[in-house]
Amino acid sequence: MSFFIVSGLSGSGKTIALQALEDIGFYCIDNLPAVLLPHFSGLLADMRNNAIMNVAIGLDVRNRAFLADLPKNLGELRARGIHYRIIFLEAEDSILIKRFKETRRKHPMLDHQTPLVEAINVEKKLLEPLSFDASLRIDTTRTTPHELRMQVSNFARGEDTAGLTLLFESFGYKHGTPLDADFVFDVRCLPNPYWQTDLRQFSGLDEPVVHFLEQYDEVKAMFEEICGFLEKWLPRFEREDRTYLTIAIGCTGGQHRSVYLVRRLAEYFSGKSIKTQVRHRELNSDTGT
């Protein structure tokens, strides 16, 4: 059985994530009281013919009356042999506030004495155990609904096969560092194609930029040393039962150097039969191999 818990900050896209799982065949329940998790899993185990094999539960701060006992509830799931995965969604505070203002929804932690910013901070604190235990964290600050659906679906489908999945993500530092990255590599020290006026219109996926960057030994050295670092430590993460790692590569604008290296890294590791996914945050594209 695939048993997912979808959690995260209010306004970060949990409903979209659950819908994405439902679209690929998951039985989804939103806001199930955490205290009922063991009982619900027992019902699933007792069903004849294993009628429901893929389950996703939405669990967030609306469950605050039961969050104190959540570690105990999750422990009971493990005792029953339920191998659950947590997908945790988050976004920058300014974006969450903007989304609440646009939709005119009420934050679940908001009251007459608590401003919205403080309500978000309280929510983060309450959900820390779920965030720290997440198999996949997604920063939806600059993610479209389509991209979010794609990331969640790719992760869920990847659970059907053994081994670690690597998500390589390019980004621009001037737009902020991804919140969901497990590793962040800063490549702003490399020669910048942006200063070549005839290259500005291209991205790191285009041959003129590729040719420019591959002239420099330091670009090759950066690529090789990131590969070496990951190859050394990935087996340790696999032994810790990690199934998903996000490796973020950042340059100034997220158009040239980071895009080039993400593509090279994904090609290198997929060539070693490691499942890889690619996201170019500032180019708005997602692929998987």
C-alpha atoms as a PDB file:
ATOM      1  CA  MET A   1       0.000   0.000   0.000  1.00  0.00           C
ATOM      2  CA  SER A   2       1.124   3.548  -0.798  1.00  0.00           C
ATOM      3  CA  PHE A   3       0.107   5.685   2.188  1.00  0.00           C
ATOM      4  CA  PHE A   4       0.798   9.409   1.873  1.00  0.00           C
ATOM      5  CA  ILE A   5       0.189  12.203   4.369  1.00  0.00           C
ATOM      6  CA  VAL A   6      -0.155  15.592   2.670  1.00  0.00           C
ATOM      7  CA  SER A   7       0.553  18.493   4.990  1.00  0.00           C
ATOM      8  CA  GLY A   8       1.877  22.031   4.923  1.00  0.00           C
ATOM      9  CA  LEU A   9       1.111  25.663   5.473  1.00  0.00           C
ATOM     10  CA  SER A  10      -2.332  27.057   4.788  1.00  0.00           C
ATOM     11  CA  GLY A  11      -2.385  28.545   1.304  1.00  0.00           C
ATOM     12  CA  SER A  12       0.578  26.516   0.058  1.00  0.00           C
ATOM     13  CA  GLY A  13      -1.439  24.257  -2.275  1.00  0.00           C
ATOM     14  CA  LYS A  14      -2.428  21.171  -0.258  1.00  0.00           C
ATOM     15  CA  THR A  15      -5.801  20.902  -2.002  1.00  0.00           C
ATOM     16  CA  ILE A  16      -4.083  20.865  -5.399  1.00  0.00           C
ATOM     17  CA  ALA A  17      -1.649  18.190  -4.173  1.00  0.00           C
ATOM     18  CA  LEU A  18      -4.495  15.970  -2.970  1.00  0.00           C
ATOM     19  CA  GLN A  19      -6.339  16.469  -6.251  1.00  0.00           C
ATOM     20  CA  ALA A  20      -3.195  15.444  -8.148  1.00  0.00           C
ATOM     21  CA  LEU A  21      -3.008  12.213  -6.146  1.00  0.00           C
ATOM     22  CA  GLU A  22      -6.718  11.568  -6.611  1.00  0.00           C
ATOM     23  CA  ASP A  23      -6.293  11.998 -10.369  1.00  0.00           C
ATOM     24  CA  ILE A  24      -3.758   9.145 -10.473  1.00  0.00           C
ATOM     25  CA  GLY A  25      -5.936   6.769  -8.476  1.00  0.00           C
ATOM     26  CA  PHE A  26      -5.394   7.568  -4.802  1.00  0.00           C
ATOM     27  CA  TYR A  27      -8.227   7.396  -2.282  1.00  0.00           C
ATOM     28  CA  CYS A  28      -7.992  10.816  -0.617  1.00  0.00           C
ATOM     29  CA  ILE A  29      -9.412  12.144   2.653  1.00  0.00           C
ATOM     30  CA  ASP A  30      -8.804  15.737   3.710  1.00  0.00           C
ATOM     31  CA  ASN A  31      -8.547  16.740   7.389  1.00  0.00           C
ATOM     32  CA  LEU A  32      -8.998  13.288   8.915  1.00  0.00           C
ATOM     33  CA  PRO A  33      -8.517  13.659  12.716  1.00  0.00           C
ATOM     34  CA  ALA A  34      -5.010  12.373  13.410  1.00  0.00           C
ATOM     35  CA  VAL A  35      -6.270  10.217  16.259  1.00  0.00           C
ATOM     36  CA  LEU A  36      -8.184   8.140  13.686  1.00  0.00           C
ATOM     37  CA  LEU A  37      -5.113   7.304  11.578  1.00  0.00           C
ATOM     38  CA  PRO A  38      -4.444   3.917  13.237  1.00  0.00           C
ATOM     39  CA  HIS A  39      -8.128   2.969  13.136  1.00  0.00           C
ATOM     40  CA  PHE A  40      -8.420   3.981   9.485  1.00  0.00           C
ATOM     41  CA  SER A  41      -5.322   1.980   8.542  1.00  0.00           C
ATOM     42  CA  GLY A  42      -6.804  -1.032  10.348  1.00  0.00           C
ATOM     43  CA  LEU A  43      -9.975  -0.753   8.279  1.00  0.00           C
ATOM     44  CA  LEU A  44      -7.890  -0.702   5.109  1.00  0.00           C
ATOM     45  CA  ALA A  45      -5.931  -3.763   6.188  1.00  0.00           C
ATOM     46  CA  ASP A  46      -9.167  -5.669   6.922  1.00  0.00           C
ATOM     47  CA  MET A  47     -10.744  -4.945   3.554  1.00  0.00           C
ATOM     48  CA  ARG A  48     -11.134  -7.937   1.317  1.00  0.00           C
ATOM     49  CA  ASN A  49      -9.196  -8.158  -1.933  1.00  0.00           C
ATOM     50  CA  ASN A  50      -7.115  -5.104  -0.970  1.00  0.00           C
ATOM     51  CA  ALA A  51      -9.699  -2.886  -2.647  1.00  0.00           C
ATOM     52  CA  ILE A  52      -7.844   0.328  -1.725  1.00  0.00           C
ATOM     53  CA  MET A  53      -4.101   0.203  -2.373  1.00  0.00           C
ATOM     54  CA  ASN A  54      -3.195   3.892  -2.622  1.00  0.00           C
ATOM     55  CA  VAL A  55      -4.262   6.324   0.113  1.00  0.00           C
ATOM     56  CA  ALA A  56      -3.555  10.006   0.795  1.00  0.00           C
ATOM     57  CA  ILE A  57      -4.609  11.837   3.969  1.00  0.00           C
ATOM     58  CA  GLY A  58      -4.668  15.621   4.261  1.00  0.00           C
ATOM     59  CA  LEU A  59      -3.362  16.567   7.698  1.00  0.00           C
ATOM     60  CA  ASP A  60      -2.627  20.148   8.728  1.00  0.00           C
ATOM     61  CA  VAL A  61      -3.155  22.757  11.440  1.00  0.00           C
ATOM     62  CA  ARG A  62      -6.925  22.317  11.290  1.00  0.00           C
ATOM     63  CA  ASN A  63      -6.042  19.142  13.213  1.00  0.00           C
ATOM     64  CA  ARG A  64      -4.454  21.151  16.036  1.00  0.00           C
ATOM     65  CA  ALA A  65      -6.636  19.515  18.714  1.00  0.00           C
ATOM     66  CA  PHE A  66      -4.913  16.205  17.871  1.00  0.00           C
ATOM     67  CA  LEU A  67      -1.403  17.321  16.853  1.00  0.00           C
ATOM     68  CA  ALA A  68       0.088  16.780  20.320  1.00  0.00           C
ATOM     69  CA  ASP A  69      -0.532  13.028  19.981  1.00  0.00           C
ATOM     70  CA  LEU A  70       0.529  12.832  16.341  1.00  0.00           C
ATOM     71  CA  PRO A  71       3.925  11.165  17.027  1.00  0.00           C
ATOM     72  CA  LYS A  72       2.091   8.435  18.920  1.00  0.00           C
ATOM     73  CA  ASN A  73      -0.440   8.021  16.089  1.00  0.00           C
ATOM     74  CA  LEU A  74       2.311   7.778  13.479  1.00  0.00           C
ATOM     75  CA  GLY A  75       4.136   5.271  15.675  1.00  0.00           C
ATOM     76  CA  GLU A  76       1.030   3.087  15.649  1.00  0.00           C
ATOM     77  CA  LEU A  77       0.999   3.223  11.858  1.00  0.00           C
ATOM     78  CA  ARG A  78       4.588   1.973  11.762  1.00  0.00           C
ATOM     79  CA  ALA A  79       3.732  -0.752  14.270  1.00  0.00           C
ATOM     80  CA  ARG A  80       0.980  -1.935  11.921  1.00  0.00           C
ATOM     81  CA  GLY A  81       3.497  -2.144   9.084  1.00  0.00           C
ATOM     82  CA  ILE A  82       2.145   0.929   7.284  1.00  0.00           C
ATOM     83  CA  HIS A  83       5.048   2.568   5.443  1.00  0.00           C
ATOM     84  CA  TYR A  84       3.824   6.156   5.148  1.00  0.00           C
ATOM     85  CA  ARG A  85       5.398   9.112   3.337  1.00  0.00           C
ATOM     86  CA  ILE A  86       4.847  12.772   4.169  1.00  0.00           C
ATOM     87  CA  ILE A  87       4.562  15.442   1.460  1.00  0.00           C
ATOM     88  CA  PHE A  88       4.963  18.889   3.034  1.00  0.00           C
ATOM     89  CA  LEU A  89       4.126  22.103   1.173  1.00  0.00           C
ATOM     90  CA  GLU A  90       5.357  25.571   2.074  1.00  0.00           C
ATOM     91  CA  ALA A  91       5.840  29.034   0.602  1.00  0.00           C
ATOM     92  CA  GLU A  92       7.325  32.383   1.520  1.00  0.00           C
ATOM     93  CA  ASP A  93       5.281  34.396   4.035  1.00  0.00           C
ATOM     94  CA  SER A  94       4.677  37.256   1.602  1.00  0.00           C
ATOM     95  CA  ILE A  95       3.172  34.872  -0.949  1.00  0.00           C
ATOM     96  CA  LEU A  96       0.957  33.157   1.638  1.00  0.00           C
ATOM     97  CA  ILE A  97      -0.340  36.549   2.800  1.00  0.00           C
ATOM     98  CA  LYS A  98      -1.001  37.594  -0.799  1.00  0.00           C
ATOM     99  CA  ARG A  99      -2.930  34.385  -1.484  1.00  0.00           C
ATOM    100  CA  PHE A 100      -5.135  34.856   1.581  1.00  0.00           C
ATOM    101  CA  LYS A 101      -5.862  38.444   0.608  1.00  0.00           C
ATOM    102  CA  GLU A 102      -6.714  37.460  -2.950  1.00  0.00           C
ATOM    103  CA  THR A 103      -9.043  34.616  -1.958  1.00  0.00           C
ATOM    104  CA  ARG A 104     -10.382  36.369   1.171  1.00  0.00           C
ATOM    105  CA  ARG A 105     -10.122  33.096   3.039  1.00  0.00           C
ATOM    106  CA  LYS A 106      -9.611  33.059   6.801  1.00  0.00           C
ATOM    107  CA  HIS A 107      -6.409  31.527   8.101  1.00  0.00           C
ATOM    108  CA  PRO A 108      -7.259  28.689  10.543  1.00  0.00           C
ATOM    109  CA  MET A 109      -5.024  30.219  13.246  1.00  0.00           C
ATOM    110  CA  LEU A 110      -6.354  33.754  12.821  1.00  0.00           C
ATOM    111  CA  ASP A 111      -8.437  35.489  15.486  1.00  0.00           C
ATOM    112  CA  HIS A 112      -9.135  39.062  16.620  1.00  0.00           C
ATOM    113  CA  GLN A 113      -5.889  39.219  18.642  1.00  0.00           C
ATOM    114  CA  THR A 114      -3.586  37.464  16.128  1.00  0.00           C
ATOM    115  CA  PRO A 115      -2.345  39.191  12.950  1.00  0.00           C
ATOM    116  CA  LEU A 116      -1.895  37.060   9.839  1.00  0.00           C
ATOM    117  CA  VAL A 117       1.922  37.061   9.965  1.00  0.00           C
ATOM    118  CA  GLU A 118       1.877  35.757  13.537  1.00  0.00           C
ATOM    119  CA  ALA A 119      -0.770  33.165  12.645  1.00  0.00           C
ATOM    120  CA  ILE A 120       1.547  31.812   9.926  1.00  0.00           C
ATOM    121  CA  ASN A 121       4.469  31.628  12.386  1.00  0.00           C
ATOM    122  CA  VAL A 122       2.341  29.760  14.943  1.00  0.00           C
ATOM    123  CA  GLU A 123       1.254  27.350  12.214  1.00  0.00           C
ATOM    124  CA  LYS A 124       4.884  26.679  11.228  1.00  0.00           C
ATOM    125  CA  LYS A 125       5.736  25.815  14.821  1.00  0.00           C
ATOM    126  CA  LEU A 126       2.800  23.439  15.196  1.00  0.00           C
ATOM    127  CA  LEU A 127       3.636  21.634  11.959  1.00  0.00           C
ATOM    128  CA  GLU A 128       7.393  21.344  12.553  1.00  0.00           C
ATOM    129  CA  PRO A 129       7.263  17.588  13.351  1.00  0.00           C
ATOM    130  CA  LEU A 130       5.580  16.892   9.999  1.00  0.00           C
ATOM    131  CA  SER A 131       7.964  19.215   8.161  1.00  0.00           C
ATOM    132  CA  PHE A 132      11.066  17.605   9.663  1.00  0.00           C
ATOM    133  CA  ASP A 133       9.782  14.084   8.886  1.00  0.00           C
ATOM    134  CA  ALA A 134       8.781  14.854   5.288  1.00  0.00           C
ATOM    135  CA  SER A 135       9.962  12.640   2.457  1.00  0.00           C
ATOM    136  CA  LEU A 136       9.223  15.456   0.012  1.00  0.00           C
ATOM    137  CA  ARG A 137       9.069  19.188   0.692  1.00  0.00           C
ATOM    138  CA  ILE A 138       7.780  21.489  -2.039  1.00  0.00           C
ATOM    139  CA  ASP A 139       8.245  25.247  -2.084  1.00  0.00           C
ATOM    140  CA  THR A 140       5.248  26.602  -4.008  1.00  0.00           C
ATOM    141  CA  THR A 141       6.335  30.269  -3.863  1.00  0.00           C
ATOM    142  CA  ARG A 142       6.890  30.386  -7.634  1.00  0.00           C
ATOM    143  CA  THR A 143       5.199  27.129  -8.595  1.00  0.00           C
ATOM    144  CA  THR A 144       2.144  27.096 -10.833  1.00  0.00           C
ATOM    145  CA  PRO A 145      -0.731  24.680 -10.089  1.00  0.00           C
ATOM    146  CA  HIS A 146       0.311  22.639 -13.132  1.00  0.00           C
ATOM    147  CA  GLU A 147       3.910  22.384 -11.900  1.00  0.00           C
ATOM    148  CA  LEU A 148       2.737  21.382  -8.423  1.00  0.00           C
ATOM    149  CA  ARG A 149       0.527  18.644  -9.836  1.00  0.00           C
ATOM    150  CA  MET A 150       3.478  17.416 -11.883  1.00  0.00           C
ATOM    151  CA  GLN A 151       5.853  17.296  -8.908  1.00  0.00           C
ATOM    152  CA  VAL A 152       3.373  15.450  -6.695  1.00  0.00           C
ATOM    153  CA  SER A 153       2.431  12.986  -9.437  1.00  0.00           C
ATOM    154  CA  ASN A 154       6.068  12.290 -10.316  1.00  0.00           C
ATOM    155  CA  PHE A 155       6.881  11.663  -6.670  1.00  0.00           C
ATOM    156  CA  ALA A 156       3.926   9.313  -6.196  1.00  0.00           C
ATOM    157  CA  ARG A 157       4.738   7.355  -9.338  1.00  0.00           C
ATOM    158  CA  GLY A 158       8.378   7.145  -8.306  1.00  0.00           C
ATOM    159  CA  GLU A 159       7.304   5.333  -5.141  1.00  0.00           C
ATOM    160  CA  ASP A 160       6.375   2.353  -7.305  1.00  0.00           C
ATOM    161  CA  THR A 161      10.034   1.680  -8.064  1.00  0.00           C
ATOM    162  CA  ALA A 162      12.913   1.127  -5.689  1.00  0.00           C
ATOM    163  CA  GLY A 163      15.763   3.554  -5.190  1.00  0.00           C
ATOM    164  CA  LEU A 164      16.398   7.229  -4.722  1.00  0.00           C
ATOM    165  CA  THR A 165      14.974   9.952  -6.971  1.00  0.00           C
ATOM    166  CA  LEU A 166      17.013  13.110  -7.502  1.00  0.00           C
ATOM    167  CA  LEU A 167      15.290  16.378  -8.374  1.00  0.00           C
ATOM    168  CA  PHE A 168      17.770  18.836  -9.880  1.00  0.00           C
ATOM    169  CA  GLU A 169      16.456  22.404  -9.727  1.00  0.00           C
ATOM    170  CA  SER A 170      17.961  25.540 -11.214  1.00  0.00           C
ATOM    171  CA  PHE A 171      17.096  28.906  -9.692  1.00  0.00           C
ATOM    172  CA  GLY A 172      18.135  32.546  -9.580  1.00  0.00           C
ATOM    173  CA  TYR A 173      19.369  34.022  -6.318  1.00  0.00           C
ATOM    174  CA  LYS A 174      17.754  37.356  -7.146  1.00  0.00           C
ATOM    175  CA  HIS A 175      14.389  35.579  -6.892  1.00  0.00           C
ATOM    176  CA  GLY A 176      15.178  33.837  -3.582  1.00  0.00           C
ATOM    177  CA  THR A 177      16.593  30.470  -2.520  1.00  0.00           C
ATOM    178  CA  PRO A 178      14.216  27.459  -2.765  1.00  0.00           C
ATOM    179  CA  LEU A 179      12.808  26.495   0.632  1.00  0.00           C
ATOM    180  CA  ASP A 180      12.566  22.819  -0.272  1.00  0.00           C
ATOM    181  CA  ALA A 181      16.189  22.143  -1.273  1.00  0.00           C
ATOM    182  CA  ASP A 182      18.200  19.440   0.511  1.00  0.00           C
ATOM    183  CA  PHE A 183      21.448  20.712  -1.014  1.00  0.00           C
ATOM    184  CA  VAL A 184      22.152  24.165  -2.488  1.00  0.00           C
ATOM    185  CA  PHE A 185      25.162  24.821  -4.707  1.00  0.00           C
ATOM    186  CA  ASP A 186      26.073  28.412  -5.561  1.00  0.00           C
ATOM    187  CA  VAL A 187      27.586  28.697  -9.056  1.00  0.00           C
ATOM    188  CA  ARG A 188      27.695  32.506  -9.295  1.00  0.00           C
ATOM    189  CA  CYS A 189      31.494  32.260  -9.223  1.00  0.00           C
ATOM    190  CA  LEU A 190      31.506  30.807 -12.756  1.00  0.00           C
ATOM    191  CA  PRO A 191      31.879  32.916 -15.937  1.00  0.00           C
ATOM    192  CA  ASN A 192      28.537  34.574 -16.671  1.00  0.00           C
ATOM    193  CA  PRO A 193      27.105  34.377 -20.217  1.00  0.00           C
ATOM    194  CA  TYR A 194      24.801  37.280 -19.360  1.00  0.00           C
ATOM    195  CA  TRP A 195      27.639  39.730 -19.888  1.00  0.00           C
ATOM    196  CA  GLN A 196      27.917  38.548 -23.489  1.00  0.00           C
ATOM    197  CA  THR A 197      25.151  40.619 -25.061  1.00  0.00           C
ATOM    198  CA  ASP A 198      24.655  38.127 -27.894  1.00  0.00           C
ATOM    199  CA  LEU A 199      23.971  35.344 -25.345  1.00  0.00           C
ATOM    200  CA  ARG A 200      21.439  37.076 -23.090  1.00  0.00           C
ATOM    201  CA  GLN A 201      18.480  35.946 -25.161  1.00  0.00           C
ATOM    202  CA  PHE A 202      19.442  32.280 -24.723  1.00  0.00           C
ATOM    203  CA  SER A 203      19.262  29.921 -21.747  1.00  0.00           C
ATOM    204  CA  GLY A 204      21.626  27.263 -20.454  1.00  0.00           C
ATOM    205  CA  LEU A 205      19.761  24.759 -22.629  1.00  0.00           C
ATOM    206  CA  ASP A 206      20.810  26.490 -25.844  1.00  0.00           C
ATOM    207  CA  GLU A 207      23.933  25.572 -27.784  1.00  0.00           C
ATOM    208  CA  PRO A 208      25.541  29.067 -27.819  1.00  0.00           C
ATOM    209  CA  VAL A 209      25.497  29.200 -23.990  1.00  0.00           C
ATOM    210  CA  VAL A 210      26.625  25.578 -23.716  1.00  0.00           C
ATOM    211  CA  HIS A 211      29.560  26.290 -26.020  1.00  0.00           C
ATOM    212  CA  PHE A 212      30.484  29.412 -24.030  1.00  0.00           C
ATOM    213  CA  LEU A 213      30.481  27.635 -20.647  1.00  0.00           C
ATOM    214  CA  GLU A 214      32.322  24.531 -21.831  1.00  0.00           C
ATOM    215  CA  GLN A 215      35.337  26.663 -22.762  1.00  0.00           C
ATOM    216  CA  TYR A 216      36.150  27.163 -19.067  1.00  0.00           C
ATOM    217  CA  ASP A 217      38.003  24.668 -16.879  1.00  0.00           C
ATOM    218  CA  GLU A 218      36.282  25.975 -13.735  1.00  0.00           C
ATOM    219  CA  VAL A 219      32.878  25.043 -15.151  1.00  0.00           C
ATOM    220  CA  LYS A 220      34.100  21.504 -15.729  1.00  0.00           C
ATOM    221  CA  ALA A 221      35.650  21.413 -12.243  1.00  0.00           C
ATOM    222  CA  MET A 222      32.407  22.601 -10.612  1.00  0.00           C
ATOM    223  CA  PHE A 223      30.426  19.917 -12.437  1.00  0.00           C
ATOM    224  CA  GLU A 224      32.866  17.152 -11.504  1.00  0.00           C
ATOM    225  CA  GLU A 225      33.095  18.164  -7.850  1.00  0.00           C
ATOM    226  CA  ILE A 226      29.303  18.323  -7.414  1.00  0.00           C
ATOM    227  CA  CYS A 227      29.080  14.871  -9.018  1.00  0.00           C
ATOM    228  CA  GLY A 228      31.774  13.565  -6.698  1.00  0.00           C
ATOM    229  CA  PHE A 229      30.087  14.989  -3.603  1.00  0.00           C
ATOM    230  CA  LEU A 230      26.722  13.486  -4.495  1.00  0.00           C
ATOM    231  CA  GLU A 231      28.160  10.107  -5.460  1.00  0.00           C
ATOM    232  CA  LYS A 232      29.920   9.907  -2.109  1.00  0.00           C
ATOM    233  CA  TRP A 233      26.891  10.733   0.037  1.00  0.00           C
ATOM    234  CA  LEU A 234      23.878   9.367  -1.878  1.00  0.00           C
ATOM    235  CA  PRO A 235      24.392   5.802  -0.558  1.00  0.00           C
ATOM    236  CA  ARG A 236      24.172   7.163   2.987  1.00  0.00           C
ATOM    237  CA  PHE A 237      20.812   8.765   2.253  1.00  0.00           C
ATOM    238  CA  GLU A 238      19.532   5.564   0.676  1.00  0.00           C
ATOM    239  CA  ARG A 239      20.500   3.655   3.821  1.00  0.00           C
ATOM    240  CA  GLU A 240      18.453   6.177   5.799  1.00  0.00           C
ATOM    241  CA  ASP A 241      15.442   5.214   3.669  1.00  0.00           C
ATOM    242  CA  ARG A 242      15.313   8.535   1.830  1.00  0.00           C
ATOM    243  CA  THR A 243      13.509   8.245  -1.489  1.00  0.00           C
ATOM    244  CA  TYR A 244      13.726  11.838  -2.745  1.00  0.00           C
ATOM    245  CA  LEU A 245      16.422  14.504  -2.675  1.00  0.00           C
ATOM    246  CA  THR A 246      16.256  18.014  -4.106  1.00  0.00           C
ATOM    247  CA  ILE A 247      19.559  19.456  -5.325  1.00  0.00           C
ATOM    248  CA  ALA A 248      19.292  23.162  -6.122  1.00  0.00           C
ATOM    249  CA  ILE A 249      21.842  24.906  -8.341  1.00  0.00           C
ATOM    250  CA  GLY A 250      21.743  28.690  -8.213  1.00  0.00           C
ATOM    251  CA  CYS A 251      23.181  31.514 -10.295  1.00  0.00           C
ATOM    252  CA  THR A 252      22.209  35.174 -10.367  1.00  0.00           C
ATOM    253  CA  GLY A 253      19.169  35.065 -12.642  1.00  0.00           C
ATOM    254  CA  GLY A 254      18.539  31.338 -13.002  1.00  0.00           C
ATOM    255  CA  GLN A 255      18.793  31.468 -16.795  1.00  0.00           C
ATOM    256  CA  HIS A 256      22.274  30.354 -17.865  1.00  0.00           C
ATOM    257  CA  ARG A 257      24.867  28.760 -15.557  1.00  0.00           C
ATOM    258  CA  SER A 258      22.486  26.976 -13.185  1.00  0.00           C
ATOM    259  CA  VAL A 259      20.315  25.724 -16.055  1.00  0.00           C
ATOM    260  CA  TYR A 260      23.341  24.333 -17.880  1.00  0.00           C
ATOM    261  CA  LEU A 261      24.668  22.500 -14.828  1.00  0.00           C
ATOM    262  CA  VAL A 262      21.275  21.085 -13.861  1.00  0.00           C
ATOM    263  CA  ARG A 263      20.899  19.586 -17.309  1.00  0.00           C
ATOM    264  CA  ARG A 264      24.430  18.129 -17.192  1.00  0.00           C
ATOM    265  CA  LEU A 265      23.921  16.687 -13.702  1.00  0.00           C
ATOM    266  CA  ALA A 266      20.585  15.115 -14.588  1.00  0.00           C
ATOM    267  CA  GLU A 267      22.068  13.536 -17.715  1.00  0.00           C
ATOM    268  CA  TYR A 268      25.038  12.213 -15.749  1.00  0.00           C
ATOM    269  CA  PHE A 269      23.039  10.573 -12.962  1.00  0.00           C
ATOM    270  CA  SER A 270      20.274   9.245 -15.202  1.00  0.00           C
ATOM    271  CA  GLY A 271      23.074   7.640 -17.216  1.00  0.00           C
ATOM    272  CA  LYS A 272      23.922   5.728 -14.040  1.00  0.00           C
ATOM    273  CA  SER A 273      20.335   4.390 -13.865  1.00  0.00           C
ATOM    274  CA  ILE A 274      19.385   6.781 -11.061  1.00  0.00           C
ATOM    275  CA  LYS A 275      15.895   8.259 -11.346  1.00  0.00           C
ATOM    276  CA  THR A 276      16.142  11.975 -11.985  1.00  0.00           C
ATOM    277  CA  GLN A 277      13.742  14.866 -12.389  1.00  0.00           C
ATOM    278  CA  VAL A 278      14.539  18.376 -13.578  1.00  0.00           C
ATOM    279  CA  ARG A 279      12.990  21.691 -12.708  1.00  0.00           C
ATOM    280  CA  HIS A 280      14.152  25.028 -14.088  1.00  0.00           C
ATOM    281  CA  ARG A 281      12.341  27.333 -11.700  1.00  0.00           C
ATOM    282  CA  GLU A 282      12.866  30.535 -13.613  1.00  0.00           C
ATOM    283  CA  LEU A 283      12.222  28.841 -16.984  1.00  0.00           C
ATOM    284  CA  ASN A 284       8.996  27.196 -15.697  1.00  0.00           C
ATOM    285  CA  SER A 285       9.612  23.667 -16.955  1.00  0.00           C
ATOM    286  CA  ASP A 286       9.557  20.219 -15.353  1.00  0.00           C
ATOM    287  CA  THR A 287      10.753  16.928 -16.794  1.00  0.00           C
ATOM    288  CA  GLY A 288      11.516  13.487 -15.456  1.00  0.00           C
ATOM    289  CA  THR A 289      13.700  10.566 -16.510  1.00  0.00           C
END
